[in-house]
Protein backbone atom coordinates (compact mmCIF):
# COMPACT_ATOMS: atom_id res chain seq x y z
CA MET A 1 -41.43 -21.59 -17.93
CA ARG A 2 -42.40 -23.09 -14.71
CA ARG A 3 -39.04 -25.29 -15.02
CA PHE A 4 -37.10 -22.25 -15.51
CA PHE A 5 -38.66 -20.38 -12.41
CA TRP A 6 -38.13 -23.36 -9.85
CA GLY A 7 -34.61 -23.80 -11.34
CA VAL A 8 -33.80 -20.08 -10.53
CA ILE A 9 -35.35 -20.57 -7.02
CA VAL A 10 -33.45 -23.73 -6.11
CA THR A 11 -30.36 -22.16 -7.32
CA LEU A 12 -30.63 -19.14 -5.25
CA LEU A 13 -31.52 -21.36 -2.30
CA ILE A 14 -28.40 -23.38 -2.87
CA LEU A 15 -26.33 -20.14 -3.08
CA ILE A 16 -27.80 -18.81 0.29
CA ALA A 17 -27.34 -22.05 2.03
CA LEU A 18 -23.77 -22.94 0.81
CA PRO A 19 -21.81 -20.34 2.91
CA PHE A 20 -23.67 -21.43 6.05
CA ILE A 21 -22.98 -25.08 5.15
CA LEU A 22 -19.39 -24.36 4.72
CA LEU A 23 -19.07 -22.36 7.85
CA GLY A 24 -20.92 -24.97 9.86
CA ALA A 25 -18.53 -27.61 8.52
CA GLY A 26 -15.48 -25.79 9.86
CA VAL A 27 -13.99 -25.30 6.51
CA PHE A 28 -12.73 -21.82 6.98
CA ASN A 29 -9.46 -21.66 9.12
CA ILE A 30 -9.77 -18.91 11.65
CA ALA A 31 -6.40 -19.29 13.15
CA ALA A 32 -4.28 -16.16 13.37
CA THR A 33 -1.53 -17.96 11.65
CA ALA A 34 -3.75 -18.50 8.47
CA GLN A 35 -3.55 -15.77 5.87
CA PRO A 36 -6.94 -14.20 4.79
CA GLY A 37 -7.45 -14.80 1.04
CA THR A 38 -8.01 -12.05 -1.39
CA LEU A 39 -11.98 -11.90 -1.02
CA GLU A 40 -11.87 -11.77 2.77
CA THR A 41 -9.13 -9.15 2.69
CA THR A 42 -10.99 -6.95 0.01
CA LEU A 43 -14.24 -7.44 1.59
CA ALA A 44 -13.23 -6.62 5.13
CA GLY A 45 -11.12 -3.60 4.19
CA TRP A 46 -13.98 -2.16 2.21
CA THR A 47 -16.39 -2.71 5.06
CA VAL A 48 -14.08 -0.93 7.53
CA ASP A 49 -13.42 2.08 5.12
CA ARG A 50 -17.22 2.42 4.50
CA SER A 51 -18.09 2.17 8.23
CA VAL A 52 -15.62 4.55 9.55
CA LYS A 53 -16.49 7.22 6.60
CA VAL A 54 -20.36 6.94 7.70
CA HIS A 55 -19.88 7.12 11.39
CA ALA A 56 -16.90 9.36 11.93
CA PRO A 57 -17.52 13.10 12.60
CA GLU A 58 -16.62 15.65 10.00
CA GLU A 59 -14.57 17.52 12.40
CA ILE A 60 -10.87 18.97 12.12
CA ASN A 61 -8.59 18.31 15.37
CA PRO A 62 -9.03 21.18 17.64
CA LEU A 63 -5.51 20.48 18.89
CA LYS A 64 -3.98 20.52 15.48
CA ASP A 65 -0.22 21.38 15.48
CA ASP A 66 -0.30 22.18 19.33
CA PRO A 67 2.95 21.25 20.66
CA GLN A 68 1.82 20.44 24.24
CA ALA A 69 -0.92 18.25 22.56
CA ILE A 70 1.45 16.52 20.60
CA GLU A 71 3.79 15.68 23.73
CA ALA A 72 0.77 14.78 25.75
CA GLY A 73 -0.43 12.38 22.55
CA MET A 74 2.99 10.97 22.46
CA ALA A 75 2.61 9.87 26.10
CA HIS A 76 -0.71 8.20 25.49
CA TYR A 77 0.76 6.71 22.15
CA ARG A 78 3.87 5.22 24.02
CA ALA A 79 1.42 3.62 26.70
CA MET A 80 -1.28 2.29 24.29
CA CYS A 81 -0.24 2.36 20.66
CA LEU A 82 3.45 1.58 20.41
CA GLN A 83 3.16 -2.04 21.28
CA CYS A 84 1.31 -2.89 18.31
CA HIS A 85 1.93 -0.24 15.72
CA GLY A 86 5.40 0.95 16.57
CA ALA A 87 6.70 4.15 15.04
CA PRO A 88 9.45 5.48 12.78
CA HIS A 89 12.89 4.07 14.13
CA VAL A 90 11.02 2.46 17.06
CA GLN A 91 10.01 -1.36 16.74
CA ASN A 92 6.55 -2.62 17.95
CA HIS A 93 6.69 -5.26 20.70
CA GLU A 94 7.29 -8.99 19.91
CA PHE A 95 3.60 -10.21 20.49
CA ALA A 96 2.48 -7.82 17.63
CA ALA A 97 4.00 -10.27 15.07
CA GLY A 98 1.15 -12.80 15.86
CA LEU A 99 -1.71 -10.25 15.32
CA ASN A 100 -3.80 -11.06 12.13
CA PRO A 101 -4.56 -8.58 10.61
CA ALA A 102 -1.27 -6.95 11.18
CA PRO A 103 -1.60 -3.46 12.79
CA PRO A 104 -0.76 -0.95 10.23
CA ASP A 105 2.16 1.48 10.11
CA LEU A 106 0.31 4.58 11.27
CA ALA A 107 3.02 7.09 9.99
CA ALA A 108 1.91 5.94 6.40
CA ALA A 109 -1.69 4.62 7.17
CA GLY A 110 -2.81 7.56 9.27
CA LYS A 111 -2.67 9.79 5.94
CA HIS A 112 -5.40 7.63 4.59
CA TRP A 113 -7.84 8.88 7.44
CA LYS A 114 -9.27 12.40 8.00
CA ASP A 115 -8.97 13.82 11.40
CA GLY A 116 -12.43 12.89 12.49
CA GLU A 117 -11.87 9.41 11.22
CA LEU A 118 -8.64 8.81 13.19
CA PHE A 119 -10.60 10.15 16.28
CA TRP A 120 -13.50 7.87 15.60
CA ILE A 121 -11.18 4.76 15.18
CA THR A 122 -9.09 5.57 18.35
CA LYS A 123 -12.32 6.32 20.38
CA HIS A 124 -14.42 3.36 19.13
CA GLY A 125 -11.87 0.63 17.98
CA ILE A 126 -12.36 -1.82 15.26
CA ARG A 127 -13.60 -5.09 16.46
CA MET A 128 -12.38 -8.50 15.52
CA THR A 129 -9.00 -6.68 14.58
CA GLY A 130 -7.32 -6.30 17.91
CA MET A 131 -7.90 -2.44 17.88
CA PRO A 132 -9.47 -1.56 21.22
CA ALA A 133 -11.83 1.48 21.98
CA PHE A 134 -9.78 3.76 24.05
CA GLY A 135 -13.05 6.08 24.60
CA LYS A 136 -13.93 3.89 27.37
CA SER A 137 -10.60 5.10 29.23
CA HIS A 138 -9.81 8.26 27.68
CA SER A 139 -11.42 11.72 27.38
CA ASP A 140 -12.20 13.21 23.91
CA GLU A 141 -9.35 15.81 24.52
CA GLU A 142 -6.79 13.05 25.24
CA LEU A 143 -7.95 11.32 22.11
CA TRP A 144 -7.63 14.44 19.89
CA GLN A 145 -4.16 14.62 21.46
CA ILE A 146 -3.36 11.11 20.08
CA VAL A 147 -4.52 12.18 16.93
CA SER A 148 -2.21 15.13 16.80
CA PHE A 149 0.63 12.85 17.61
CA VAL A 150 -0.22 10.25 14.81
CA ARG A 151 -0.11 13.22 12.38
CA HIS A 152 3.26 14.16 13.89
CA LEU A 153 4.66 10.49 13.36
CA ASP A 154 6.68 11.15 9.97
CA ASP A 155 8.52 14.28 11.71
CA LEU A 156 9.68 12.88 15.09
CA SER A 157 12.64 14.55 16.66
CA GLU A 158 15.57 12.77 17.99
CA SER A 159 14.40 13.28 21.72
CA GLN A 160 10.76 12.06 20.79
CA VAL A 161 12.37 8.93 19.27
CA ALA A 162 14.50 8.28 22.16
CA ALA A 163 11.36 8.85 24.52
CA LEU A 164 9.59 6.47 22.54
CA ARG A 165 12.28 3.80 22.93
CA GLU A 166 11.95 4.26 26.45
CA GLY A 167 8.43 3.04 26.15
CA GLU A 168 9.41 0.23 23.82
CA GLU A 169 12.05 -0.99 26.82
CA ALA A 170 9.66 -0.42 29.27
CA ALA A 171 6.32 -2.11 28.10
CA HIS A 172 3.10 -0.55 29.33
CA ALA A 173 5.03 2.43 31.00
CA HIS A 174 3.17 5.74 30.55
CA GLY A 175 4.21 8.87 32.45
CA ALA A 176 1.68 10.98 33.88
CA VAL A 177 0.00 13.73 31.89
CA ALA A 178 0.15 16.47 34.17
CA GLU A 179 -2.47 19.05 32.52
CA THR A 180 -5.12 16.15 31.71
CA GLY A 181 -4.67 14.47 35.19
CA HIS A 182 -4.73 11.29 33.15
CA SER A 183 -1.76 8.79 33.73
CA HIS A 184 -0.64 5.39 32.97
CA GLU A 185 1.97 3.95 35.04
CA THR A 186 3.83 0.75 35.45
CA HIS A 187 2.95 -0.93 38.63
CA THR A 188 5.58 -3.71 39.65
CA ALA A 189 4.33 -6.31 41.89
CA GLU A 190 5.76 -6.80 45.33
CA ALA A 191 7.26 -10.10 46.46
CA PRO A 192 5.19 -11.73 49.19
CA SER A 193 6.65 -11.32 52.70
CA GLU A 194 7.71 -14.25 54.50
CA GLU A 195 5.00 -13.59 57.16
CA SER A 196 2.22 -13.63 54.36
CA LEU A 197 3.49 -16.77 53.12
CA GLU A 198 3.41 -18.44 56.36
CA ARG A 199 -0.20 -17.38 56.95
C-alpha cells in the first residue's frame, strides 16, 4: 500500500513538473507564424468565453438602434477597429494577416456576444490577443456607440460601406464626432525646414 501511495505521489509530481520543464526548455514555439494546437485553441477560447461572461455587465445597450449612435460608432470603428477586423465588403489592413490569433469577423462573431459582453470586451480588451482596451481613451457612451455599430455591421448601406472604404484607404483617419467632442484625426508630419536642418 505504501508503494502504491508513493507511486501516486511521484506520478503527480512528474505531471506537475513536466509542463514547467517543457516551458523552460523552450519547446513551445511562441512565434505568431506558428499555428496553435487544438488544446491551446480550445483552452484559450474557453477561458476567454468564461471570463467575459463572468465579468461583463448584464446590460442592454442604451443606444440600441439609435441612428446617431450608429453613425458615431462607425466613425470610432473606422478609426480603431477596421484595420484589424475589416467589415462586410471592406478589407482589413495588410498587417492584420500577421496577427495570431486572427481578429474575428465581427459581423458574424459579434452575434455570439450579448450587448454587455461586447461593451466589456471593447472597454477592457483581451490581453495577449492584440485586442486593446479602448476604455482608457473613450467614454462609456462612445463604447456603446461602437456596440451599436457592430450590431449594424450585417446591414450596412452603400454610403456606409463607402465611408468605411475611405477609412481603409486613409489608415488611422477618424472624423471628429461633434456631439461627443471626441475625435481621432490623421496628422501628417511636416517636412523639416532648411533653417531647422542647418541648426
